[in-house]
Amino acid sequence: MRSLLGFLALTAAAAAVGALVDPGAWYAGIDKPDQTPPDAVFAPVLGVLYLMIATAGWLLWQVRESKPAARTALGFWLFQLILNAVWSGLFFGVHRLGLAFAECLVLWLAILATIAVAWRARPLAAMLLIPHFLWVGFAAWLNGTIWLLNR
């Protein structure tokens, strides 16, 4: 149980880093595609995704001693968590839309790598990350489109 709380705290810390950056008037004033979800959608979706990310990490942690792939997957898991935290600062904080887009693509690939390796160790952990992979794919498309619209 203590390890689950640790994964929840670590994931919450990454989410909090991203939440420190206020989109503010800048985001409201830039051009966005019609498919951009309303602002009210982001917090609940990300909340659920971060719970799933934490649970996936915890499930991998449970089998790290018996399944070497779980240790590798945990490395990818941590990398994608760091990338999650960094993206908001790049996009909303310093308004580096192109760099944020490139980082988002790396994040998307890191999630895919986590899923692929986790599947060998703990399929449920991999499945819990699939919605995050899909969301980040959509987020990358949004980020790239916003970058193109605001060049």
Protein backbone atom coordinates (compact mmCIF):
# COMPACT_ATOMS: atom_id res chain seq x y z
CA MET A 1 0.00 0.00 0.00
CA ARG A 2 2.85 2.38 0.82
CA SER A 3 4.30 1.91 -2.67
CA LEU A 4 0.95 2.80 -4.25
CA LEU A 5 0.87 6.02 -2.24
CA GLY A 6 4.42 6.73 -3.43
CA PHE A 7 3.42 6.33 -7.07
CA LEU A 8 0.34 8.48 -6.53
CA ALA A 9 2.49 11.17 -4.88
CA LEU A 10 5.13 11.08 -7.61
CA THR A 11 2.52 11.33 -10.33
CA ALA A 12 0.69 14.09 -8.47
CA ALA A 13 3.97 16.00 -8.20
CA ALA A 14 4.46 15.78 -11.97
CA ALA A 15 0.89 16.95 -12.51
CA ALA A 16 1.40 19.80 -10.04
CA VAL A 17 4.49 21.02 -11.90
CA GLY A 18 2.41 21.25 -15.05
CA ALA A 19 -0.42 22.95 -13.19
CA LEU A 20 1.92 25.67 -11.89
CA VAL A 21 1.90 27.26 -15.33
CA ASP A 22 -1.23 29.32 -15.89
CA PRO A 23 -2.32 29.44 -19.55
CA GLY A 24 -3.82 32.85 -18.89
CA ALA A 25 -4.72 35.47 -21.45
CA TRP A 26 -1.99 34.32 -23.84
CA TYR A 27 -3.67 30.95 -24.49
CA ALA A 28 -7.12 32.51 -24.71
CA GLY A 29 -5.85 34.91 -27.38
CA ILE A 30 -4.05 32.55 -29.75
CA ASP A 31 -5.58 30.79 -32.73
CA LYS A 32 -6.69 27.21 -32.06
CA PRO A 33 -8.32 24.56 -34.25
CA ASP A 34 -12.06 23.99 -33.94
CA GLN A 35 -11.36 20.56 -32.42
CA THR A 36 -9.76 22.10 -29.31
CA PRO A 37 -11.68 20.84 -26.28
CA PRO A 38 -13.14 23.41 -23.87
CA ASP A 39 -10.77 24.34 -21.05
CA ALA A 40 -13.05 22.62 -18.52
CA VAL A 41 -12.33 19.22 -20.13
CA PHE A 42 -8.59 19.19 -19.45
CA ALA A 43 -8.50 18.91 -15.64
CA PRO A 44 -10.88 15.93 -15.31
CA VAL A 45 -9.31 14.07 -18.24
CA LEU A 46 -5.80 14.64 -16.98
CA GLY A 47 -6.85 13.68 -13.44
CA VAL A 48 -8.09 10.29 -14.62
CA LEU A 49 -5.06 9.79 -16.86
CA TYR A 50 -2.63 10.59 -14.04
CA LEU A 51 -4.40 8.08 -11.77
CA MET A 52 -4.01 5.46 -14.50
CA ILE A 53 -0.34 6.40 -14.98
CA ALA A 54 0.32 6.05 -11.24
CA THR A 55 -1.47 2.70 -11.10
CA ALA A 56 0.49 1.41 -14.09
CA GLY A 57 3.77 2.38 -12.44
CA TRP A 58 2.73 0.70 -9.20
CA LEU A 59 1.76 -2.51 -11.01
CA LEU A 60 5.15 -2.59 -12.70
CA TRP A 61 6.88 -1.92 -9.37
CA GLN A 62 5.17 -4.99 -7.89
CA VAL A 63 6.81 -7.33 -10.41
CA ARG A 64 10.19 -5.59 -10.83
CA GLU A 65 12.07 -8.34 -8.97
CA SER A 66 10.65 -11.25 -10.95
CA LYS A 67 10.37 -9.66 -14.41
CA PRO A 68 13.35 -7.72 -15.79
CA ALA A 69 11.11 -6.07 -18.41
CA ALA A 70 9.27 -4.36 -15.54
CA ARG A 71 12.47 -2.56 -14.50
CA THR A 72 13.00 -1.34 -18.06
CA ALA A 73 9.37 -0.29 -18.30
CA LEU A 74 9.71 1.64 -15.03
CA GLY A 75 12.62 3.56 -16.56
CA PHE A 76 10.46 4.53 -19.53
CA TRP A 77 7.58 5.24 -17.15
CA LEU A 78 9.69 7.72 -15.19
CA PHE A 79 10.99 9.33 -18.40
CA GLN A 80 7.47 9.89 -19.73
CA LEU A 81 6.38 11.29 -16.36
CA ILE A 82 9.20 13.86 -16.49
CA LEU A 83 8.28 14.75 -20.07
CA ASN A 84 4.67 15.23 -18.97
CA ALA A 85 5.80 17.75 -16.37
CA VAL A 86 8.06 19.63 -18.79
CA TRP A 87 5.57 20.08 -21.62
CA SER A 88 3.33 22.61 -19.86
CA GLY A 89 6.27 24.86 -19.13
CA LEU A 90 7.40 24.79 -22.75
CA PHE A 91 3.95 25.39 -24.19
CA PHE A 92 2.18 27.61 -21.65
CA GLY A 93 5.14 29.00 -19.74
CA VAL A 94 7.68 30.12 -22.33
CA HIS A 95 5.38 29.84 -25.39
CA ARG A 96 7.85 27.71 -27.35
CA LEU A 97 5.19 25.99 -29.44
CA GLY A 98 7.58 24.25 -31.86
CA LEU A 99 9.80 22.95 -29.07
CA ALA A 100 6.73 21.86 -27.10
CA PHE A 101 5.50 20.00 -30.19
CA ALA A 102 8.83 18.18 -30.58
CA GLU A 103 8.82 17.35 -26.86
CA CYS A 104 5.24 16.10 -27.14
CA LEU A 105 6.26 13.74 -29.95
CA VAL A 106 9.09 12.39 -27.78
CA LEU A 107 6.58 11.98 -24.94
CA TRP A 108 4.22 10.09 -27.25
CA LEU A 109 7.05 7.74 -28.27
CA ALA A 110 8.13 7.31 -24.63
CA ILE A 111 4.59 6.26 -23.70
CA LEU A 112 4.56 3.83 -26.63
CA ALA A 113 7.90 2.37 -25.47
CA THR A 114 6.55 2.07 -21.93
CA ILE A 115 3.48 0.23 -23.21
CA ALA A 116 5.53 -2.10 -25.42
CA VAL A 117 7.95 -3.10 -22.66
CA ALA A 118 5.31 -3.17 -19.91
CA TRP A 119 3.20 -5.55 -21.98
CA ARG A 120 5.83 -8.26 -21.47
CA ALA A 121 5.95 -7.74 -17.72
CA ARG A 122 2.44 -6.70 -16.70
CA PRO A 123 -0.17 -6.41 -19.49
CA LEU A 124 -2.64 -4.59 -17.24
CA ALA A 125 -0.08 -1.83 -16.65
CA ALA A 126 0.38 -1.49 -20.40
CA MET A 127 -3.38 -1.33 -20.98
CA LEU A 128 -3.75 1.41 -18.38
CA LEU A 129 -1.35 3.56 -20.40
CA ILE A 130 -3.18 3.23 -23.73
CA PRO A 131 -5.65 6.08 -23.01
CA HIS A 132 -2.69 8.31 -22.12
CA PHE A 133 -0.99 7.36 -25.39
CA LEU A 134 -4.14 8.28 -27.32
CA TRP A 135 -4.59 11.55 -25.43
CA VAL A 136 -0.99 12.60 -26.02
CA GLY A 137 -1.35 11.75 -29.71
CA PHE A 138 -4.33 14.11 -29.84
CA ALA A 139 -2.44 16.68 -27.76
CA ALA A 140 0.51 16.49 -30.17
CA TRP A 141 -1.83 17.12 -33.08
CA LEU A 142 -3.36 20.10 -31.23
CA ASN A 143 0.06 21.45 -30.27
CA GLY A 144 1.35 21.11 -33.83
CA THR A 145 -1.75 22.73 -35.30
CA ILE A 146 -1.62 25.60 -32.81
CA TRP A 147 2.05 26.09 -33.64
CA LEU A 148 1.25 26.29 -37.37
CA LEU A 149 -1.70 28.62 -36.83
CA ASN A 150 0.36 31.04 -34.72
CA ARG A 151 3.67 31.24 -36.58
